[in-house]
Amino acid sequence: MGVLSELTGVSISGIENVHDYMQVKFSSGAALTIYNNCRFEDGACKAVGSTVKSTTESGDEIVIILEGGGSIHIGLQEDDYVGPEAMVLSQEGAPDVVWNYRFIPI
């Protein structure tokens, strides 16, 4: 079970594109900053207000599955990276968790 499983049952309160990355904000106060290529099944607009049903992590991608059928896919293959970090999970009262190229997570 990965660290992202802590987001299960938490709803997405907002999604923001900032320069060359995306930030997904959660009702718990957590924020997931995504630098790698990612895609939203059912669109980013529908993701806002959705609750995280589950998460899966593999060497190729991370998937955040939302209640209602949508999902967020974050690529972890070499060509998905635009820098050394794939994404960062920030939660109040906890150290940031960083997913780096082929060293997931630190």
Protein backbone atom coordinates (compact mmCIF):
# COMPACT_ATOMS: atom_id res chain seq x y z
CA MET A 1 0.00 0.00 0.00
CA GLY A 2 1.53 3.32 -1.10
CA VAL A 3 1.54 6.71 0.55
CA LEU A 4 -1.15 7.92 -1.87
CA SER A 5 -3.61 5.54 -0.22
CA GLU A 6 -3.88 8.20 2.51
CA LEU A 7 -5.96 10.19 0.00
CA THR A 8 -8.64 7.50 -0.16
CA GLY A 9 -11.98 8.98 0.91
CA VAL A 10 -10.74 12.56 0.44
CA SER A 11 -12.34 14.81 -2.18
CA ILE A 12 -10.60 17.00 -4.74
CA SER A 13 -11.26 20.64 -3.93
CA GLY A 14 -9.45 22.19 -6.88
CA ILE A 15 -7.10 21.71 -9.81
CA GLU A 16 -4.77 24.45 -10.94
CA ASN A 17 -2.38 24.69 -13.88
CA VAL A 18 0.67 26.68 -12.78
CA HIS A 19 3.28 27.44 -15.47
CA ASP A 20 4.71 24.00 -16.30
CA TYR A 21 3.05 21.88 -13.63
CA MET A 22 -0.36 21.01 -12.23
CA GLN A 23 -1.52 21.09 -8.63
CA VAL A 24 -4.39 18.96 -7.35
CA LYS A 25 -5.73 20.23 -4.02
CA PHE A 26 -7.69 18.05 -1.61
CA SER A 27 -10.30 18.82 1.05
CA SER A 28 -7.88 17.52 3.71
CA GLY A 29 -5.45 20.33 2.91
CA ALA A 30 -3.10 18.01 1.02
CA ALA A 31 -1.72 19.08 -2.35
CA LEU A 32 -0.32 16.90 -5.12
CA THR A 33 2.00 18.83 -7.41
CA ILE A 34 2.43 16.96 -10.71
CA TYR A 35 5.38 17.76 -12.97
CA ASN A 36 5.17 14.71 -15.25
CA ASN A 37 2.80 14.12 -18.11
CA CYS A 38 -0.65 13.32 -16.81
CA ARG A 39 -4.14 12.84 -18.14
CA PHE A 40 -7.62 12.95 -16.69
CA GLU A 41 -10.17 10.37 -17.77
CA ASP A 42 -13.54 12.16 -17.80
CA GLY A 43 -11.77 15.55 -17.74
CA ALA A 44 -10.23 17.72 -15.03
CA CYS A 45 -13.45 19.70 -14.58
CA LYS A 46 -15.37 16.58 -13.54
CA ALA A 47 -12.59 15.59 -11.10
CA VAL A 48 -13.19 18.65 -8.90
CA GLY A 49 -15.58 17.61 -6.14
CA SER A 50 -14.92 13.90 -6.73
CA THR A 51 -13.72 11.63 -3.94
CA VAL A 52 -10.66 9.40 -4.24
CA LYS A 53 -11.83 5.79 -4.36
CA SER A 54 -8.39 4.14 -4.57
CA THR A 55 -4.87 4.54 -5.90
CA THR A 56 -2.46 2.26 -7.73
CA GLU A 57 1.27 2.68 -8.16
CA SER A 58 3.47 0.78 -10.60
CA GLY A 59 6.77 1.42 -12.31
CA ASP A 60 4.97 2.82 -15.37
CA GLU A 61 2.24 5.01 -13.92
CA ILE A 62 0.29 6.13 -10.89
CA VAL A 63 -3.50 6.07 -11.12
CA ILE A 64 -5.84 7.91 -8.78
CA ILE A 65 -9.28 6.35 -9.22
CA LEU A 66 -12.24 8.59 -8.42
CA GLU A 67 -15.71 7.63 -7.32
CA GLY A 68 -18.05 8.02 -10.26
CA GLY A 69 -15.63 6.51 -12.76
CA GLY A 70 -13.04 9.21 -13.47
CA SER A 71 -9.32 8.84 -12.90
CA ILE A 72 -6.02 10.70 -12.97
CA HIS A 73 -3.05 8.99 -14.66
CA ILE A 74 0.49 10.21 -13.94
CA GLY A 75 3.13 8.73 -16.25
CA LEU A 76 6.37 7.39 -14.76
CA GLN A 77 8.08 6.25 -17.94
CA GLU A 78 11.27 8.00 -19.00
CA ASP A 79 9.56 10.12 -21.67
CA ASP A 80 6.93 11.34 -19.14
CA TYR A 81 9.52 13.29 -17.14
CA VAL A 82 10.16 16.98 -17.79
CA GLY A 83 12.61 17.22 -14.87
CA PRO A 84 13.99 15.05 -12.07
CA GLU A 85 10.76 14.92 -10.07
CA ALA A 86 7.50 13.30 -11.18
CA MET A 87 5.37 14.76 -8.38
CA VAL A 88 5.31 15.88 -4.75
CA LEU A 89 2.65 15.14 -2.13
CA SER A 90 2.43 17.81 0.57
CA GLN A 91 0.34 17.21 3.68
CA GLU A 92 0.06 19.35 6.77
CA GLY A 93 2.13 17.97 9.64
CA ALA A 94 4.01 15.48 7.45
CA PRO A 95 7.19 15.68 5.38
CA ASP A 96 6.75 16.09 1.64
CA VAL A 97 6.87 12.87 -0.36
CA VAL A 98 8.75 13.18 -3.66
CA TRP A 99 8.57 10.76 -6.59
CA ASN A 100 11.86 10.97 -8.51
CA TYR A 101 12.92 9.31 -11.74
CA ARG A 102 13.17 5.56 -11.01
CA PHE A 103 13.37 6.20 -7.28
CA ILE A 104 9.79 6.19 -6.07
CA PRO A 105 9.01 7.66 -3.51
CA ILE A 106 11.56 9.31 -1.23
